[in-house]
Structure formats: structure tokens, C-alpha cells
Amino acid sequence: MGPPSRAAAYFLESLQGADWTFFAGRPFHYAYQSWILKSLIWADMPAMLIESACGLLLWPLSFVRRIPTYEASYISAVVLFVLATGQWLIVGHLLQKRFWPKVSLNGD
């Protein structure tokens, strides 16, 4: 990812059909990322799908107040952070229940 760039965000708004996007104010193109980041993107896919569904539900609000691309990329990054954190908390909880033995408080 490159550095945050408000000018690049305004340039992206003028393009139709661009094959890159903004994530937290930084230009992002999947093809140019490392395999580690690509793996993380695939692991966070359930959170991204929920985020896109939330975005579709909030889409009518965009007619009332237009949010520029640069600011919207930060909002999207925060929402993805919260959802992905919740996703991994759930995964960790399920793994803990599955692999850790049940401990009795009675000492049995």
C-alpha cells in the first residue's frame, strides 16, 4: 500500500471503472500485494461480506449526505476492523471450546 493521499482519492472519484480502490486513505490493488496480505484478505472475507451488506443497507443515506472517497475509505476501514475483530474473537472462542479440556470447579 502506498502512503495516504487525498489527491489520489479525488482522482479516483473522477475515474469510471478503475481497477484499484482506497483503504484507509491509501491506494490499494490486490494484484500488487504480498502473499501474506493476500492471505489475510481471504481470511477476513466473512467480515468483508458483512461489511458490504451493511454498506448496501446504508446506501440510501448517500443521497442525503455525500461522503468523499478519502473519508469513506477510513470509515470503511474502521468498520472492517471492528467486524474482523469480532470474527476472530468468535473463531478463537470456538477453538478454545473445541480443544481445551473442560475444567471442573469441584475438583472432580
Protein backbone atom coordinates (compact mmCIF):
# COMPACT_ATOMS: atom_id res chain seq x y z
CA MET A 1 0.00 0.00 0.00
CA GLY A 2 1.15 3.48 -0.71
CA PRO A 3 1.01 6.45 1.66
CA PRO A 4 -2.30 8.21 2.37
CA SER A 5 -3.18 10.53 -0.48
CA ARG A 6 -6.21 12.81 -0.61
CA ALA A 7 -5.26 13.90 -4.16
CA ALA A 8 -5.30 10.30 -5.38
CA ALA A 9 -8.74 9.81 -3.80
CA TYR A 10 -10.11 12.81 -5.69
CA PHE A 11 -8.51 11.45 -8.87
CA LEU A 12 -10.21 8.08 -8.28
CA GLU A 13 -13.58 9.82 -7.96
CA SER A 14 -13.15 11.16 -11.50
CA LEU A 15 -12.42 7.71 -12.97
CA GLN A 16 -15.07 5.29 -14.06
CA GLY A 17 -14.23 1.59 -13.81
CA ALA A 18 -10.88 1.94 -12.03
CA ASP A 19 -9.37 -1.41 -11.01
CA TRP A 20 -7.99 -0.15 -7.68
CA THR A 21 -9.58 1.25 -4.57
CA PHE A 22 -8.79 3.11 -1.38
CA PHE A 23 -8.35 1.51 2.03
CA ALA A 24 -7.74 3.83 4.98
CA GLY A 25 -6.73 6.63 2.64
CA ARG A 26 -4.17 4.53 0.79
CA PRO A 27 -4.35 3.28 -2.80
CA PHE A 28 -4.91 -0.49 -2.83
CA HIS A 29 -4.67 -3.01 -5.67
CA TYR A 30 -4.93 -6.70 -4.77
CA ALA A 31 -2.60 -7.93 -7.54
CA TYR A 32 0.36 -5.92 -6.22
CA GLN A 33 0.16 -7.03 -2.59
CA SER A 34 2.37 -9.59 -0.84
CA TRP A 35 1.13 -13.16 -0.34
CA ILE A 36 0.86 -12.53 3.42
CA LEU A 37 -1.54 -9.62 2.90
CA LYS A 38 -3.48 -11.61 0.28
CA SER A 39 -3.86 -14.45 2.82
CA LEU A 40 -5.13 -12.00 5.43
CA ILE A 41 -7.64 -10.60 2.96
CA TRP A 42 -9.00 -14.09 2.27
CA ALA A 43 -9.14 -14.89 5.99
CA ASP A 44 -11.11 -11.68 6.64
CA MET A 45 -13.55 -12.37 3.78
CA PRO A 46 -16.54 -13.18 6.08
CA ALA A 47 -16.14 -9.81 7.81
CA MET A 48 -15.84 -8.10 4.42
CA LEU A 49 -19.07 -9.73 3.22
CA ILE A 50 -20.92 -8.49 6.31
CA GLU A 51 -19.42 -5.04 5.80
CA SER A 52 -20.62 -4.94 2.20
CA ALA A 53 -24.13 -5.93 3.31
CA CYS A 54 -24.08 -3.10 5.87
CA GLY A 55 -22.89 -0.76 3.13
CA LEU A 56 -25.83 -1.72 0.93
CA LEU A 57 -28.22 -1.03 3.79
CA LEU A 58 -26.70 2.41 4.33
CA TRP A 59 -26.53 3.25 0.61
CA PRO A 60 -29.80 5.29 0.60
CA LEU A 61 -28.20 7.66 3.12
CA SER A 62 -25.66 8.64 0.47
CA PHE A 63 -28.38 10.60 -1.28
CA VAL A 64 -28.83 12.78 1.81
CA ARG A 65 -25.14 13.42 2.55
CA ARG A 66 -22.32 12.69 0.14
CA ILE A 67 -19.12 11.41 1.80
CA PRO A 68 -15.93 11.90 -0.25
CA THR A 69 -13.89 8.81 -1.20
CA TYR A 70 -10.97 9.64 1.10
CA GLU A 71 -13.12 9.95 4.22
CA ALA A 72 -15.31 6.99 3.23
CA SER A 73 -12.20 4.79 2.97
CA TYR A 74 -11.38 5.50 6.62
CA ILE A 75 -14.96 4.79 7.71
CA SER A 76 -14.87 1.52 5.79
CA ALA A 77 -11.52 0.56 7.34
CA VAL A 78 -12.83 1.19 10.87
CA VAL A 79 -15.97 -0.86 10.23
CA LEU A 80 -13.88 -3.70 8.77
CA PHE A 81 -11.53 -3.56 11.77
CA VAL A 82 -14.45 -3.91 14.21
CA LEU A 83 -16.11 -6.72 12.24
CA ALA A 84 -12.86 -8.64 11.67
CA THR A 85 -12.00 -8.33 15.36
CA GLY A 86 -15.39 -9.80 16.22
CA GLN A 87 -14.89 -12.55 13.63
CA TRP A 88 -11.56 -13.61 15.14
CA LEU A 89 -12.94 -13.43 18.69
CA ILE A 90 -15.67 -15.86 17.64
CA VAL A 91 -13.14 -18.16 15.91
CA GLY A 92 -10.90 -18.10 18.98
CA HIS A 93 -13.82 -18.86 21.28
CA LEU A 94 -14.88 -21.83 19.14
CA LEU A 95 -11.33 -23.18 19.01
CA GLN A 96 -10.97 -22.79 22.76
CA LYS A 97 -14.20 -24.70 23.39
CA ARG A 98 -13.13 -27.42 20.98
CA PHE A 99 -9.55 -28.07 22.09
CA TRP A 100 -9.28 -27.11 25.75
CA PRO A 101 -10.46 -29.70 28.26
CA LYS A 102 -13.36 -28.80 30.46
CA VAL A 103 -12.21 -27.96 33.99
CA SER A 104 -14.50 -28.75 36.87
CA LEU A 105 -14.70 -26.28 39.73
CA ASN A 106 -15.43 -29.14 42.17
CA GLY A 107 -12.02 -30.71 41.65
CA ASP A 108 -13.55 -33.89 40.16
